[in-house]
Amino acid sequence: MSDSAVTRVLARVAQGDAVPAACAAEGLTCQADVTVDAHYDGKPVCTVTLPWVVDGHALLFADDSVAAAVAEERLRSLADSLAMPVCIVRRAA
């Protein structure tokens, strides 16, 4: 895995590319709708369906329908509960 390739995928997706196309362009694998356990205090507490997992990284999208501070807090909380690296995409305007 190359973190720089993942970074390039994130940039492509932020600019509007579809996740599968961005991954293919960088030679990375991706899976849609992956169910994983969310953890609290080291114990699984619920399952979460991630929209995409790109080369072992959870790919989440910022929610533009709520205040930025609220969206960031939600994403940070979710990221803290997952047992994998998390990447957050903020779509370019």
Protein backbone atom coordinates (compact mmCIF):
# COMPACT_ATOMS: atom_id res chain seq x y z
CA MET A 1 0.00 0.00 0.00
CA SER A 2 1.19 3.48 -0.74
CA ASP A 3 -0.14 6.32 1.37
CA SER A 4 0.66 8.69 -1.48
CA ALA A 5 -1.53 6.61 -3.82
CA VAL A 6 -4.37 6.78 -1.28
CA THR A 7 -3.84 10.53 -1.06
CA ARG A 8 -4.08 10.81 -4.84
CA VAL A 9 -7.32 8.77 -4.81
CA LEU A 10 -8.75 11.16 -2.19
CA ALA A 11 -7.82 14.15 -4.35
CA ARG A 12 -9.44 12.60 -7.42
CA VAL A 13 -12.65 11.80 -5.50
CA ALA A 14 -12.74 15.31 -4.00
CA GLN A 15 -12.62 16.68 -7.55
CA GLY A 16 -15.59 14.54 -8.57
CA ASP A 17 -14.14 11.24 -9.82
CA ALA A 18 -16.03 8.09 -8.87
CA VAL A 19 -14.27 6.04 -6.19
CA PRO A 20 -13.81 2.93 -8.39
CA ALA A 21 -12.36 5.01 -11.25
CA ALA A 22 -10.01 6.89 -8.91
CA CYS A 23 -8.79 3.62 -7.40
CA ALA A 24 -8.29 2.00 -10.79
CA ALA A 25 -6.25 4.99 -11.95
CA GLU A 26 -3.92 4.54 -8.95
CA GLY A 27 -3.89 0.73 -9.01
CA LEU A 28 -5.62 0.38 -5.63
CA THR A 29 -8.37 -1.98 -4.56
CA CYS A 30 -11.69 -0.73 -3.25
CA GLN A 31 -14.81 -2.29 -1.78
CA ALA A 32 -18.25 -0.73 -1.41
CA ASP A 33 -20.59 -1.05 1.56
CA VAL A 34 -18.19 -2.79 3.94
CA THR A 35 -19.59 -3.72 7.36
CA VAL A 36 -17.15 -3.41 10.28
CA ASP A 37 -17.37 -3.25 14.05
CA ALA A 38 -17.17 0.10 15.80
CA HIS A 39 -15.35 -0.09 19.14
CA TYR A 40 -15.51 1.72 22.45
CA ASP A 41 -12.95 1.04 25.15
CA GLY A 42 -11.50 -1.72 23.00
CA LYS A 43 -14.78 -3.62 22.73
CA PRO A 44 -17.10 -3.85 19.72
CA VAL A 45 -20.33 -1.95 20.39
CA CYS A 46 -22.11 -1.89 17.03
CA THR A 47 -21.64 -2.49 13.35
CA VAL A 48 -21.12 0.30 10.86
CA THR A 49 -21.43 0.11 7.09
CA LEU A 50 -18.69 2.11 5.44
CA PRO A 51 -19.48 3.50 1.99
CA TRP A 52 -16.00 2.59 0.72
CA VAL A 53 -12.80 0.94 1.88
CA VAL A 54 -9.83 1.90 -0.28
CA ASP A 55 -6.74 -0.25 0.13
CA GLY A 56 -7.54 -0.86 3.82
CA HIS A 57 -8.57 2.74 4.57
CA ALA A 58 -12.14 3.68 5.48
CA LEU A 59 -13.33 6.40 3.12
CA LEU A 60 -15.88 8.77 4.64
CA PHE A 61 -17.52 11.86 3.15
CA ALA A 62 -18.06 15.15 4.97
CA ASP A 63 -21.74 15.96 5.43
CA ASP A 64 -22.48 19.37 3.89
CA SER A 65 -26.05 19.35 5.22
CA VAL A 66 -24.96 20.09 8.82
CA ALA A 67 -22.71 22.72 10.36
CA ALA A 68 -19.03 22.08 9.64
CA ALA A 69 -18.12 21.80 13.33
CA VAL A 70 -20.85 19.19 13.88
CA ALA A 71 -19.80 17.21 10.81
CA GLU A 72 -16.15 17.25 11.92
CA GLU A 73 -17.06 16.05 15.42
CA ARG A 74 -19.18 13.21 14.00
CA LEU A 75 -16.41 12.12 11.66
CA ARG A 76 -13.76 12.33 14.39
CA SER A 77 -15.93 10.23 16.71
CA LEU A 78 -16.50 7.59 14.06
CA ALA A 79 -12.83 7.55 13.10
CA ASP A 80 -11.88 6.98 16.74
CA SER A 81 -14.15 3.94 16.91
CA LEU A 82 -12.82 2.14 13.83
CA ALA A 83 -9.90 -0.27 13.87
CA MET A 84 -8.52 1.00 10.55
CA PRO A 85 -7.12 4.21 9.09
CA VAL A 86 -9.83 6.71 8.14
CA CYS A 87 -9.72 9.18 5.25
CA ILE A 88 -12.27 11.97 4.97
CA VAL A 89 -13.26 13.45 1.63
CA ARG A 90 -14.43 17.03 1.47
CA ARG A 91 -15.80 17.63 -2.00
CA ALA A 92 -14.37 20.58 -3.90
CA ALA A 93 -16.87 23.34 -4.61
